[in-house]
C-alpha atoms as a PDB file:
ATOM      1  CA  MET A   1      55.865  39.213  31.746  1.00  0.00           C
ATOM      2  CA  LEU A   2      53.960  36.144  30.572  1.00  0.00           C
ATOM      3  CA  ILE A   3      50.471  36.316  29.095  1.00  0.00           C
ATOM      4  CA  GLY A   4      48.785  34.998  32.234  1.00  0.00           C
ATOM      5  CA  ASP A   5      50.401  37.684  34.392  1.00  0.00           C
ATOM      6  CA  VAL A   6      49.453  40.376  31.870  1.00  0.00           C
ATOM      7  CA  ALA A   7      45.850  39.159  31.856  1.00  0.00           C
ATOM      8  CA  ARG A   8      45.639  39.294  35.653  1.00  0.00           C
ATOM      9  CA  ARG A   9      47.154  42.776  35.908  1.00  0.00           C
ATOM     10  CA  SER A  10      45.392  44.401  32.968  1.00  0.00           C
ATOM     11  CA  GLY A  11      41.982  42.773  33.264  1.00  0.00           C
ATOM     12  CA  VAL A  12      42.193  41.756  29.590  1.00  0.00           C
ATOM     13  CA  SER A  13      41.685  38.038  29.127  1.00  0.00           C
ATOM     14  CA  ALA A  14      44.398  35.893  27.590  1.00  0.00           C
ATOM     15  CA  ARG A  15      41.986  35.039  24.805  1.00  0.00           C
ATOM     16  CA  MET A  16      41.469  38.740  23.998  1.00  0.00           C
ATOM     17  CA  LEU A  17      45.218  39.368  24.117  1.00  0.00           C
ATOM     18  CA  ARG A  18      45.690  36.645  21.491  1.00  0.00           C
ATOM     19  CA  HIS A  19      42.907  38.275  19.434  1.00  0.00           C
ATOM     20  CA  TYR A  20      44.702  41.622  19.648  1.00  0.00           C
ATOM     21  CA  GLU A  21      47.849  39.909  18.456  1.00  0.00           C
ATOM     22  CA  SER A  22      46.047  38.306  15.504  1.00  0.00           C
ATOM     23  CA  LEU A  23      44.835  41.764  14.457  1.00  0.00           C
ATOM     24  CA  GLY A  24      48.314  43.243  14.814  1.00  0.00           C
ATOM     25  CA  LEU A  25      47.271  45.615  17.579  1.00  0.00           C
ATOM     26  CA  VAL A  26      49.887  44.434  20.055  1.00  0.00           C
ATOM     27  CA  ARG A  27      52.613  41.849  19.712  1.00  0.00           C
ATOM     28  CA  PRO A  28      54.684  40.501  22.612  1.00  0.00           C
ATOM     29  CA  THR A  29      58.235  41.736  22.352  1.00  0.00           C
ATOM     30  CA  GLY A  30      59.772  38.323  22.890  1.00  0.00           C
ATOM     31  CA  ARG A  31      59.400  34.644  23.659  1.00  0.00           C
ATOM     32  CA  THR A  32      60.756  32.542  26.460  1.00  0.00           C
ATOM     33  CA  GLY A  33      63.045  29.607  25.773  1.00  0.00           C
ATOM     34  CA  THR A  34      60.011  27.360  25.803  1.00  0.00           C
ATOM     35  CA  GLY A  35      58.105  29.542  23.331  1.00  0.00           C
ATOM     36  CA  TYR A  36      55.747  31.395  25.702  1.00  0.00           C
ATOM     37  CA  ARG A  37      54.802  34.990  24.868  1.00  0.00           C
ATOM     38  CA  GLU A  38      56.669  37.567  26.884  1.00  0.00           C
ATOM     39  CA  TYR A  39      55.368  41.142  27.157  1.00  0.00           C
ATOM     40  CA  SER A  40      57.561  44.159  27.860  1.00  0.00           C
ATOM     41  CA  GLY A  41      56.583  47.316  29.734  1.00  0.00           C
ATOM     42  CA  ASP A  42      55.929  49.063  26.414  1.00  0.00           C
ATOM     43  CA  ASP A  43      53.676  46.199  25.332  1.00  0.00           C
ATOM     44  CA  ILE A  44      51.621  46.528  28.507  1.00  0.00           C
ATOM     45  CA  ARG A  45      51.315  50.298  28.083  1.00  0.00           C
ATOM     46  CA  ARG A  46      50.038  49.693  24.549  1.00  0.00           C
ATOM     47  CA  ILE A  47      47.438  47.273  25.894  1.00  0.00           C
ATOM     48  CA  PHE A  48      46.195  49.959  28.277  1.00  0.00           C
ATOM     49  CA  HIS A  49      46.069  52.445  25.383  1.00  0.00           C
ATOM     50  CA  ILE A  50      43.950  49.993  23.396  1.00  0.00           C
ATOM     51  CA  GLU A  51      41.555  49.505  26.307  1.00  0.00           C
ATOM     52  CA  SER A  52      41.274  53.261  26.878  1.00  0.00           C
ATOM     53  CA  LEU A  53      40.342  53.870  23.234  1.00  0.00           C
ATOM     54  CA  ARG A  54      37.864  50.978  23.265  1.00  0.00           C
ATOM     55  CA  SER A  55      36.194  52.521  26.338  1.00  0.00           C
ATOM     56  CA  LEU A  56      35.331  55.512  24.147  1.00  0.00           C
ATOM     57  CA  GLY A  57      33.418  53.273  21.772  1.00  0.00           C
ATOM     58  CA  LEU A  58      36.074  52.924  19.065  1.00  0.00           C
ATOM     59  CA  SER A  59      36.065  49.748  17.017  1.00  0.00           C
ATOM     60  CA  LEU A  60      39.257  47.672  17.012  1.00  0.00           C
ATOM     61  CA  ARG A  61      39.838  48.812  13.432  1.00  0.00           C
ATOM     62  CA  ASP A  62      39.725  52.469  14.509  1.00  0.00           C
ATOM     63  CA  VAL A  63      41.928  51.675  17.504  1.00  0.00           C
ATOM     64  CA  GLY A  64      44.541  50.291  15.115  1.00  0.00           C
ATOM     65  CA  ARG A  65      44.354  53.410  12.939  1.00  0.00           C
ATOM     66  CA  ALA A  66      44.665  55.677  15.954  1.00  0.00           C
ATOM     67  CA  LEU A  67      47.774  53.893  17.179  1.00  0.00           C
ATOM     68  CA  GLU A  68      49.548  53.349  13.854  1.00  0.00           C
ATOM     69  CA  ASP A  69      48.631  56.193  11.492  1.00  0.00           C
ATOM     70  CA  PRO A  70      50.714  59.316  12.268  1.00  0.00           C
ATOM     71  CA  ASN A  71      48.276  61.448  10.246  1.00  0.00           C
ATOM     72  CA  PHE A  72      45.216  60.168  12.075  1.00  0.00           C
ATOM     73  CA  THR A  73      43.279  62.994  13.759  1.00  0.00           C
ATOM     74  CA  PRO A  74      40.745  62.246  16.467  1.00  0.00           C
ATOM     75  CA  ALA A  75      38.395  65.222  15.969  1.00  0.00           C
ATOM     76  CA  GLY A  76      36.293  63.749  13.160  1.00  0.00           C
ATOM     77  CA  LEU A  77      36.152  60.336  14.772  1.00  0.00           C
ATOM     78  CA  VAL A  78      35.112  61.800  18.119  1.00  0.00           C
ATOM     79  CA  ASP A  79      32.285  63.697  16.390  1.00  0.00           C
ATOM     80  CA  ASP A  80      31.138  60.442  14.808  1.00  0.00           C
ATOM     81  CA  LEU A  81      31.271  58.717  18.184  1.00  0.00           C
ATOM     82  CA  ILE A  82      29.170  61.499  19.725  1.00  0.00           C
ATOM     83  CA  ARG A  83      26.557  61.124  16.980  1.00  0.00           C
ATOM     84  CA  GLN A  84      26.512  57.326  17.272  1.00  0.00           C
ATOM     85  CA  THR A  85      26.204  57.541  21.047  1.00  0.00           C
ATOM     86  CA  ARG A  86      23.307  59.975  20.801  1.00  0.00           C
ATOM     87  CA  ASP A  87      21.568  57.721  18.290  1.00  0.00           C
ATOM     88  CA  ARG A  88      22.102  54.734  20.543  1.00  0.00           C
ATOM     89  CA  ILE A  89      20.774  56.578  23.602  1.00  0.00           C
ATOM     90  CA  ALA A  90      17.736  57.775  21.635  1.00  0.00           C
ATOM     91  CA  GLY A  91      17.078  54.216  20.537  1.00  0.00           C
ATOM     92  CA  GLU A  92      17.371  52.935  24.099  1.00  0.00           C
ATOM     93  CA  VAL A  93      15.055  55.661  25.407  1.00  0.00           C
ATOM     94  CA  GLU A  94      12.512  54.805  22.712  1.00  0.00           C
ATOM     95  CA  LEU A  95      12.705  51.133  23.653  1.00  0.00           C
ATOM     96  CA  LEU A  96      12.345  51.955  27.350  1.00  0.00           C
ATOM     97  CA  THR A  97       9.303  54.118  26.632  1.00  0.00           C
ATOM     98  CA  ARG A  98       7.699  51.350  24.572  1.00  0.00           C
ATOM     99  CA  LEU A  99       8.322  48.774  27.304  1.00  0.00           C
ATOM    100  CA  ARG A 100       6.939  51.081  29.988  1.00  0.00           C
ATOM    101  CA  ARG A 101       3.804  51.660  27.970  1.00  0.00           C
ATOM    102  CA  ILE A 102       3.263  47.964  27.426  1.00  0.00           C
ATOM    103  CA  GLY A 103       3.797  47.339  31.130  1.00  0.00           C
ATOM    104  CA  ALA A 104       1.315  50.087  32.033  1.00  0.00           C
ATOM    105  CA  VAL A 105      -1.632  48.162  30.578  1.00  0.00           C
ATOM    106  CA  ASP A 106      -0.692  45.048  32.586  1.00  0.00           C
ATOM    107  CA  PRO A 107      -0.983  42.558  29.686  1.00  0.00           C
ATOM    108  CA  ALA A 108      -2.296  39.131  30.656  1.00  0.00           C
ATOM    109  CA  ASP A 109      -0.408  37.194  27.988  1.00  0.00           C
ATOM    110  CA  TRP A 110       1.774  37.593  24.904  1.00  0.00           C
ATOM    111  CA  ALA A 111      -1.292  38.065  22.709  1.00  0.00           C
ATOM    112  CA  ASP A 112      -2.087  41.202  24.711  1.00  0.00           C
ATOM    113  CA  VAL A 113       1.513  42.391  24.326  1.00  0.00           C
ATOM    114  CA  LEU A 114       1.389  41.906  20.561  1.00  0.00           C
ATOM    115  CA  GLN A 115      -1.929  43.761  20.358  1.00  0.00           C
ATOM    116  CA  VAL A 116      -0.521  46.756  22.257  1.00  0.00           C
ATOM    117  CA  VAL A 117       2.602  46.770  20.073  1.00  0.00           C
ATOM    118  CA  ALA A 118       0.445  46.735  16.943  1.00  0.00           C
ATOM    119  CA  LEU A 119      -1.667  49.641  18.205  1.00  0.00           C
ATOM    120  CA  LEU A 120       1.431  51.662  19.138  1.00  0.00           C
ATOM    121  CA  HIS A 121       2.863  51.098  15.662  1.00  0.00           C
ATOM    122  CA  ALA A 122      -0.439  52.131  14.074  1.00  0.00           C
ATOM    123  CA  LEU A 123      -0.579  55.327  16.146  1.00  0.00           C
ATOM    124  CA  GLY A 124       2.831  56.241  14.754  1.00  0.00           C
ATOM    125  CA  SER A 125       1.898  55.443  11.158  1.00  0.00           C
ATOM    126  CA  GLU A 126       2.230  58.062   8.433  1.00  0.00           C
ATOM    127  CA  ASN A 127      -1.207  57.018   7.172  1.00  0.00           C
ATOM    128  CA  ALA A 128      -3.984  59.090   8.781  1.00  0.00           C
ATOM    129  CA  GLY A 129      -6.534  56.317   8.288  1.00  0.00           C
ATOM    130  CA  LYS A 130      -4.391  53.834  10.216  1.00  0.00           C
ATOM    131  CA  ARG A 131      -3.910  56.326  13.048  1.00  0.00           C
ATOM    132  CA  GLN A 132      -7.648  56.956  13.231  1.00  0.00           C
ATOM    133  CA  ARG A 133      -8.503  53.241  13.264  1.00  0.00           C
ATOM    134  CA  ALA A 134      -5.916  52.686  15.992  1.00  0.00           C
ATOM    135  CA  ALA A 135      -7.483  55.441  18.086  1.00  0.00           C
ATOM    136  CA  LEU A 136     -10.998  54.044  17.660  1.00  0.00           C
ATOM    137  CA  SER A 137      -9.893  50.504  18.476  1.00  0.00           C
ATOM    138  CA  SER A 138      -7.849  51.547  21.505  1.00  0.00           C
ATOM    139  CA  VAL A 139     -10.860  51.427  23.807  1.00  0.00           C
ATOM    140  CA  GLY A 140     -11.159  47.688  24.279  1.00  0.00           C
ATOM    141  CA  ASP A 141      -9.996  44.730  26.286  1.00  0.00           C
ATOM    142  CA  VAL A 142      -6.347  45.784  25.934  1.00  0.00           C
ATOM    143  CA  PRO A 143      -6.349  49.580  25.555  1.00  0.00           C
ATOM    144  CA  VAL A 144      -3.457  51.716  24.393  1.00  0.00           C
ATOM    145  CA  PRO A 145      -1.517  53.226  27.322  1.00  0.00           C
ATOM    146  CA  VAL A 146      -2.759  56.693  28.295  1.00  0.00           C
ATOM    147  CA  GLU A 147       0.733  58.167  27.849  1.00  0.00           C
ATOM    148  CA  ALA A 148       0.804  57.022  24.229  1.00  0.00           C
ATOM    149  CA  LEU A 149      -2.629  58.498  23.535  1.00  0.00           C
ATOM    150  CA  VAL A 150      -1.619  61.833  25.065  1.00  0.00           C
ATOM    151  CA  GLU A 151       1.552  61.934  22.972  1.00  0.00           C
ATOM    152  CA  ALA A 152      -0.497  61.176  19.857  1.00  0.00           C
ATOM    153  CA  VAL A 153      -3.120  63.839  20.692  1.00  0.00           C
ATOM    154  CA  LEU A 154      -0.495  66.526  21.214  1.00  0.00           C
ATOM    155  CA  SER A 155       1.222  65.797  17.902  1.00  0.00           C
ATOM    156  CA  GLU A 156      -1.800  65.086  15.658  1.00  0.00           C
ATOM    157  CA  ALA A 157      -2.521  67.683  12.959  1.00  0.00           C
ATOM    158  CA  ASP A 158      -5.300  65.836  11.087  1.00  0.00           C
ATOM    159  CA  PRO A 159      -8.652  67.030  12.577  1.00  0.00           C
ATOM    160  CA  ASN A 160     -10.454  63.703  12.040  1.00  0.00           C
ATOM    161  CA  VAL A 161      -7.684  61.684  13.662  1.00  0.00           C
ATOM    162  CA  ALA A 162      -7.396  64.234  16.464  1.00  0.00           C
ATOM    163  CA  GLY A 163     -11.109  63.901  17.200  1.00  0.00           C
ATOM    164  CA  ALA A 164     -10.840  60.121  17.411  1.00  0.00           C
ATOM    165  CA  LEU A 165      -7.813  60.403  19.691  1.00  0.00           C
ATOM    166  CA  ARG A 166      -9.594  62.815  22.032  1.00  0.00           C
ATOM    167  CA  TRP A 167     -12.573  60.459  22.140  1.00  0.00           C
ATOM    168  CA  ALA A 168     -10.311  57.563  23.072  1.00  0.00           C
ATOM    169  CA  LEU A 169      -8.436  59.622  25.637  1.00  0.00           C
ATOM    170  CA  ALA A 170     -11.642  60.740  27.351  1.00  0.00           C
ATOM    171  CA  ARG A 171     -12.497  57.051  27.842  1.00  0.00           C
ATOM    172  CA  SER A 172      -9.049  55.919  28.886  1.00  0.00           C
ATOM    173  CA  GLY A 173      -9.458  56.384  32.623  1.00  0.00           C
ATOM    174  CA  GLY A 174      -7.407  58.433  35.075  1.00  0.00           C
ATOM    175  CA  GLY A 175      -4.072  60.068  34.536  1.00  0.00           C
ATOM    176  CA  ALA A 176      -4.793  61.853  31.264  1.00  0.00           C
ATOM    177  CA  ALA A 177      -5.323  65.298  32.814  1.00  0.00           C
ATOM    178  CA  ALA A 178      -1.934  65.297  34.532  1.00  0.00           C
ATOM    179  CA  LEU A 179      -0.172  64.275  31.320  1.00  0.00           C
ATOM    180  CA  LEU A 180      -2.048  66.904  29.297  1.00  0.00           C
ATOM    181  CA  ALA A 181      -1.024  69.486  31.902  1.00  0.00           C
ATOM    182  CA  GLU A 182       2.558  68.828  30.826  1.00  0.00           C
ATOM    183  CA  GLY A 183       1.463  69.575  27.268  1.00  0.00           C
ATOM    184  CA  LEU A 184       0.340  73.024  28.435  1.00  0.00           C
ATOM    185  CA  GLY A 185       3.984  73.706  29.213  1.00  0.00           C
ATOM    186  CA  ALA A 186       5.054  73.102  25.617  1.00  0.00           C
ATOM    187  CA  PRO A 187       6.718  76.047  23.839  1.00  0.00           C
ATOM    188  CA  ALA A 188       4.496  75.643  20.749  1.00  0.00           C
ATOM    189  CA  ALA A 189       1.057  77.262  21.081  1.00  0.00           C
ATOM    190  CA  GLU A 190      -0.412  74.660  18.706  1.00  0.00           C
ATOM    191  CA  VAL A 191       0.533  71.866  21.112  1.00  0.00           C
ATOM    192  CA  ARG A 192      -0.978  73.759  24.044  1.00  0.00           C
ATOM    193  CA  LYS A 193      -4.175  74.277  22.048  1.00  0.00           C
ATOM    194  CA  ARG A 194      -4.416  70.534  21.382  1.00  0.00           C
ATOM    195  CA  ALA A 195      -3.943  69.885  25.090  1.00  0.00           C
ATOM    196  CA  VAL A 196      -6.834  72.222  25.954  1.00  0.00           C
ATOM    197  CA  GLN A 197      -9.078  70.666  23.312  1.00  0.00           C
ATOM    198  CA  ALA A 198      -8.415  67.223  24.766  1.00  0.00           C
ATOM    199  CA  LEU A 199      -8.984  68.441  28.339  1.00  0.00           C
ATOM    200  CA  ALA A 200     -12.322  69.910  27.250  1.00  0.00           C
ATOM    201  CA  GLU A 201     -13.601  66.389  26.553  1.00  0.00           C
ATOM    202  CA  ILE A 202     -12.505  64.962  29.905  1.00  0.00           C
ATOM    203  CA  PRO A 203     -15.290  65.580  32.470  1.00  0.00           C
ATOM    204  CA  SER A 204     -13.168  65.429  35.602  1.00  0.00           C
ATOM    205  CA  GLY A 205     -12.223  67.825  38.349  1.00  0.00           C
ATOM    206  CA  ALA A 206      -8.565  67.338  37.491  1.00  0.00           C
ATOM    207  CA  ALA A 207      -9.192  68.403  33.884  1.00  0.00           C
ATOM    208  CA  THR A 208     -11.144  71.453  35.069  1.00  0.00           C
ATOM    209  CA  ALA A 209      -8.251  72.502  37.302  1.00  0.00           C
ATOM    210  CA  VAL A 210      -5.795  72.308  34.398  1.00  0.00           C
ATOM    211  CA  LEU A 211      -8.175  74.281  32.161  1.00  0.00           C
ATOM    212  CA  ARG A 212      -8.272  77.018  34.793  1.00  0.00           C
ATOM    213  CA  ASP A 213      -4.504  77.309  34.504  1.00  0.00           C
ATOM    214  CA  ALA A 214      -4.853  77.609  30.720  1.00  0.00           C
ATOM    215  CA  LEU A 215      -6.843  80.844  31.142  1.00  0.00           C
ATOM    216  CA  ALA A 216      -3.508  82.519  31.846  1.00  0.00           C
ATOM    217  CA  ASP A 217      -1.790  81.140  28.739  1.00  0.00           C
ATOM    218  CA  ALA A 218       0.275  83.557  26.656  1.00  0.00           C
ATOM    219  CA  ASP A 219      -1.621  82.602  23.495  1.00  0.00           C
ATOM    220  CA  ALA A 220      -5.079  84.136  23.029  1.00  0.00           C
ATOM    221  CA  GLU A 221      -6.436  81.134  21.108  1.00  0.00           C
ATOM    222  CA  VAL A 222      -5.466  78.761  23.919  1.00  0.00           C
ATOM    223  CA  ARG A 223      -7.196  81.034  26.450  1.00  0.00           C
ATOM    224  CA  ARG A 224     -10.353  81.103  24.325  1.00  0.00           C
ATOM    225  CA  TYR A 225     -10.546  77.334  24.007  1.00  0.00           C
ATOM    226  CA  ALA A 226     -10.083  77.045  27.760  1.00  0.00           C
ATOM    227  CA  ALA A 227     -12.774  79.648  28.463  1.00  0.00           C
ATOM    228  CA  LEU A 228     -15.339  77.916  26.257  1.00  0.00           C
ATOM    229  CA  ALA A 229     -14.606  74.588  27.913  1.00  0.00           C
ATOM    230  CA  LEU A 230     -14.795  76.054  31.409  1.00  0.00           C
ATOM    231  CA  GLY A 231     -17.954  77.985  30.558  1.00  0.00           C
ATOM    232  CA  THR A 232     -19.782  74.774  29.724  1.00  0.00           C
ATOM    233  CA  ARG A 233     -18.802  73.592  33.216  1.00  0.00           C
ATOM    234  CA  GLY A 234     -20.151  76.747  34.839  1.00  0.00           C
ATOM    235  CA  VAL A 235     -16.753  78.035  35.992  1.00  0.00           C
ATOM    236  CA  ALA A 236     -17.054  81.764  36.716  1.00  0.00           C
ATOM    237  CA  GLU A 237     -13.357  82.478  35.997  1.00  0.00           C
ATOM    238  CA  ALA A 238     -14.104  81.976  32.292  1.00  0.00           C
ATOM    239  CA  VAL A 239     -16.500  84.939  32.085  1.00  0.00           C
ATOM    240  CA  PRO A 240     -13.962  87.756  31.442  1.00  0.00           C
ATOM    241  CA  THR A 241     -12.356  85.860  28.565  1.00  0.00           C
ATOM    242  CA  LEU A 242     -15.748  85.018  27.070  1.00  0.00           C
ATOM    243  CA  ILE A 243     -16.733  88.682  27.168  1.00  0.00           C
ATOM    244  CA  GLU A 244     -13.480  89.680  25.468  1.00  0.00           C
ATOM    245  CA  MET A 245     -14.245  87.148  22.729  1.00  0.00           C
ATOM    246  CA  ILE A 246     -17.507  88.992  22.104  1.00  0.00           C
ATOM    247  CA  VAL A 247     -15.728  92.346  22.019  1.00  0.00           C
ATOM    248  CA  GLU A 248     -13.049  91.041  19.641  1.00  0.00           C
ATOM    249  CA  GLU A 249     -15.607  89.197  17.455  1.00  0.00           C
ATOM    250  CA  THR A 250     -13.692  85.939  17.832  1.00  0.00           C
ATOM    251  CA  ASN A 251     -16.045  82.971  18.201  1.00  0.00           C
ATOM    252  CA  ASP A 252     -18.369  85.604  19.618  1.00  0.00           C
ATOM    253  CA  ALA A 253     -21.543  83.613  18.949  1.00  0.00           C
ATOM    254  CA  ASP A 254     -20.163  80.618  20.860  1.00  0.00           C
ATOM    255  CA  ALA A 255     -19.020  82.888  23.682  1.00  0.00           C
ATOM    256  CA  ALA A 256     -22.437  84.560  23.925  1.00  0.00           C
ATOM    257  CA  ASP A 257     -24.223  81.191  23.915  1.00  0.00           C
ATOM    258  CA  THR A 258     -21.915  79.957  26.651  1.00  0.00           C
ATOM    259  CA  LEU A 259     -22.572  83.023  28.808  1.00  0.00           C
ATOM    260  CA  SER A 260     -26.307  82.575  28.285  1.00  0.00           C
ATOM    261  CA  ALA A 261     -26.114  78.954  29.416  1.00  0.00           C
ATOM    262  CA  MET A 262     -23.990  79.895  32.435  1.00  0.00           C
ATOM    263  CA  ALA A 263     -26.500  82.606  33.415  1.00  0.00           C
ATOM    264  CA  THR A 264     -29.168  79.966  34.060  1.00  0.00           C
ATOM    265  CA  ASP A 265     -27.293  79.362  37.312  1.00  0.00           C
ATOM    266  CA  PRO A 266     -28.809  81.908  39.750  1.00  0.00           C
ATOM    267  CA  ALA A 267     -25.421  82.382  41.379  1.00  0.00           C
ATOM    268  CA  LEU A 268     -23.936  83.564  38.077  1.00  0.00           C
ATOM    269  CA  THR A 269     -26.851  85.490  36.541  1.00  0.00           C
ATOM    270  CA  ASP A 270     -26.219  88.938  38.030  1.00  0.00           C
ATOM    271  CA  PRO A 271     -22.384  88.714  38.041  1.00  0.00           C
ATOM    272  CA  ILE A 272     -22.404  87.961  34.293  1.00  0.00           C
ATOM    273  CA  ALA A 273     -24.854  90.786  33.601  1.00  0.00           C
ATOM    274  CA  ALA A 274     -22.778  93.180  35.724  1.00  0.00           C
ATOM    275  CA  ARG A 275     -19.597  92.316  33.848  1.00  0.00           C
ATOM    276  CA  LEU A 276     -21.284  92.864  30.484  1.00  0.00           C
ATOM    277  CA  VAL A 277     -22.630  96.229  31.649  1.00  0.00           C
ATOM    278  CA  ASP A 278     -19.207  97.206  32.974  1.00  0.00           C
ATOM    279  CA  ARG A 279     -17.558  96.287  29.692  1.00  0.00           C
ATOM    280  CA  LEU A 280     -20.129  98.352  27.769  1.00  0.00           C
ATOM    281  CA  GLY A 281     -19.368 101.355  29.909  1.00  0.00           C
ATOM    282  CA  HIS A 282     -15.578 101.144  29.926  1.00  0.00           C
ATOM    283  CA  GLY A 283     -13.229 101.152  26.979  1.00  0.00           C
ATOM    284  CA  VAL A 284     -15.500  99.796  24.231  1.00  0.00           C
ATOM    285  CA  THR A 285     -16.165 102.500  21.661  1.00  0.00           C
ATOM    286  CA  ASP A 286     -16.489 100.423  18.512  1.00  0.00           C
ATOM    287  CA  PRO A 287     -20.209 100.494  17.557  1.00  0.00           C
ATOM    288  CA  SER A 288     -20.292  96.874  16.341  1.00  0.00           C
ATOM    289  CA  ALA A 289     -18.624  95.631  19.536  1.00  0.00           C
ATOM    290  CA  ARG A 290     -21.128  97.558  21.700  1.00  0.00           C
ATOM    291  CA  GLN A 291     -23.984  96.072  19.709  1.00  0.00           C
ATOM    292  CA  ARG A 292     -22.623  92.544  20.180  1.00  0.00           C
ATOM    293  CA  LEU A 293     -22.345  93.133  23.930  1.00  0.00           C
ATOM    294  CA  THR A 294     -25.926  94.420  23.987  1.00  0.00           C
ATOM    295  CA  GLN A 295     -27.124  91.334  22.135  1.00  0.00           C
ATOM    296  CA  ALA A 296     -25.259  89.128  24.600  1.00  0.00           C
ATOM    297  CA  LEU A 297     -26.834  91.019  27.500  1.00  0.00           C
ATOM    298  CA  ALA A 298     -30.244  90.349  25.954  1.00  0.00           C
ATOM    299  CA  ASP A 299     -29.800  86.627  26.609  1.00  0.00           C
ATOM    300  CA  ILE A 300     -29.065  87.125  30.323  1.00  0.00           C
ATOM    301  CA  PRO A 301     -32.138  86.927  32.576  1.00  0.00           C
ATOM    302  CA  GLY A 302     -32.717  88.973  35.720  1.00  0.00           C
ATOM    303  CA  ASP A 303     -33.222  92.528  36.909  1.00  0.00           C
ATOM    304  CA  THR A 304     -29.600  93.617  36.436  1.00  0.00           C
ATOM    305  CA  ALA A 305     -29.710  92.856  32.732  1.00  0.00           C
ATOM    306  CA  SER A 306     -33.176  94.366  32.332  1.00  0.00           C
ATOM    307  CA  GLY A 307     -32.149  97.587  34.052  1.00  0.00           C
ATOM    308  CA  ALA A 308     -29.082  97.887  31.861  1.00  0.00           C
ATOM    309  CA  LEU A 309     -31.152  97.310  28.721  1.00  0.00           C
ATOM    310  CA  GLN A 310     -33.582 100.050  29.745  1.00  0.00           C
ATOM    311  CA  GLU A 311     -30.670 102.483  29.954  1.00  0.00           C
ATOM    312  CA  LEU A 312     -29.252 101.248  26.638  1.00  0.00           C
ATOM    313  CA  ALA A 313     -32.628 101.902  25.005  1.00  0.00           C
ATOM    314  CA  HIS A 314     -31.661 105.571  25.224  1.00  0.00           C
ATOM    315  CA  ASP A 315     -28.061 105.064  24.091  1.00  0.00           C
ATOM    316  CA  ALA A 316     -26.530 107.619  21.740  1.00  0.00           C
ATOM    317  CA  ASP A 317     -25.711 104.817  19.317  1.00  0.00           C
ATOM    318  CA  ARG A 318     -28.972 104.271  17.421  1.00  0.00           C
ATOM    319  CA  ALA A 319     -28.204 100.603  16.607  1.00  0.00           C
ATOM    320  CA  VAL A 320     -27.555  99.826  20.280  1.00  0.00           C
ATOM    321  CA  ALA A 321     -30.688 101.712  21.359  1.00  0.00           C
ATOM    322  CA  LEU A 322     -32.886  99.907  18.829  1.00  0.00           C
ATOM    323  CA  THR A 323     -31.440  96.524  19.820  1.00  0.00           C
ATOM    324  CA  ALA A 324     -32.064  97.205  23.518  1.00  0.00           C
ATOM    325  CA  THR A 325     -35.597  98.475  22.858  1.00  0.00           C
ATOM    326  CA  TYR A 326     -36.476  95.435  20.784  1.00  0.00           C
ATOM    327  CA  VAL A 327     -35.079  93.052  23.403  1.00  0.00           C
ATOM    328  CA  LEU A 328     -37.084  94.774  26.132  1.00  0.00           C
ATOM    329  CA  THR A 329     -40.302  94.174  24.207  1.00  0.00           C
ATOM    330  CA  LEU A 330     -39.440  90.484  24.047  1.00  0.00           C
ATOM    331  CA  ARG A 331     -38.586  90.324  27.767  1.00  0.00           C
ATOM    332  CA  ASP A 332     -41.741  92.185  28.790  1.00  0.00           C
ATOM    333  CA  PRO A 333     -44.288  92.287  25.938  1.00  0.00           C
ATOM    334  CA  ARG A 334     -46.579  94.575  27.954  1.00  0.00           C
END
């Protein structure tokens, strides 16, 4: 079979067939009387073998080794090909992500594109100062894409940089809450905590809804951050967690202050007082915890709290009784 016929049937161009021949990969068995290359059935089968191996990503050099070296084993080479393919896919995914993020800010010209690229590079810098400056400069004419800011917030360990990133994210517009909600699904509690901290600085209904979900997180610290954030927004679902923080003496002062602020809402005043009273009467035996609950109750206005304090003034625990008595004198100096 002549080279033109082989090219048509195999899909390998005549030029590539000549290249294979120059590399010694396949040589036509014979020549016609006029000197044209003539390929046998075995030659054609070898061409198909070459193409099959190339389809796996082998270089022509490795193809030659595979076909000629009787001691050649494919296992190691296949492992290398798997690694190279994974690296290539990772590189392509990274490029796609970068392009999507640039497209998301709708750049007006190439200067805008270059500015976004520079900010993205700075956010990924190993230098904390560069990351912080990038975060602070991201709120401008050509801001960093929200997705990039969220990724940076969830991975940032430096507290100063993290604060700057949260500030930038809170001013980045819509979409941040939904992306941070994905962060709440991360296996690492530290990542989920960063997501909650960022959500706490976003004053939107969407962020509040995600924070509500975080109250059920498996990690106690994540739940506490969510409760404090929700408490400042007057969300009643945060009250049980805030009370437990007082019992456990974990950010108890912040929790008590938050409950006090929430209790200024008439709709929440008595429910908060009732929950504190209930917690005092059920399951809390530690004297210091009961005293902290009594002190928290002291900052809640209304008749429910006052009635509970009057009862606590006669409590068997002298410290609790004295605290309640003193608070009552402040509430009603008569």
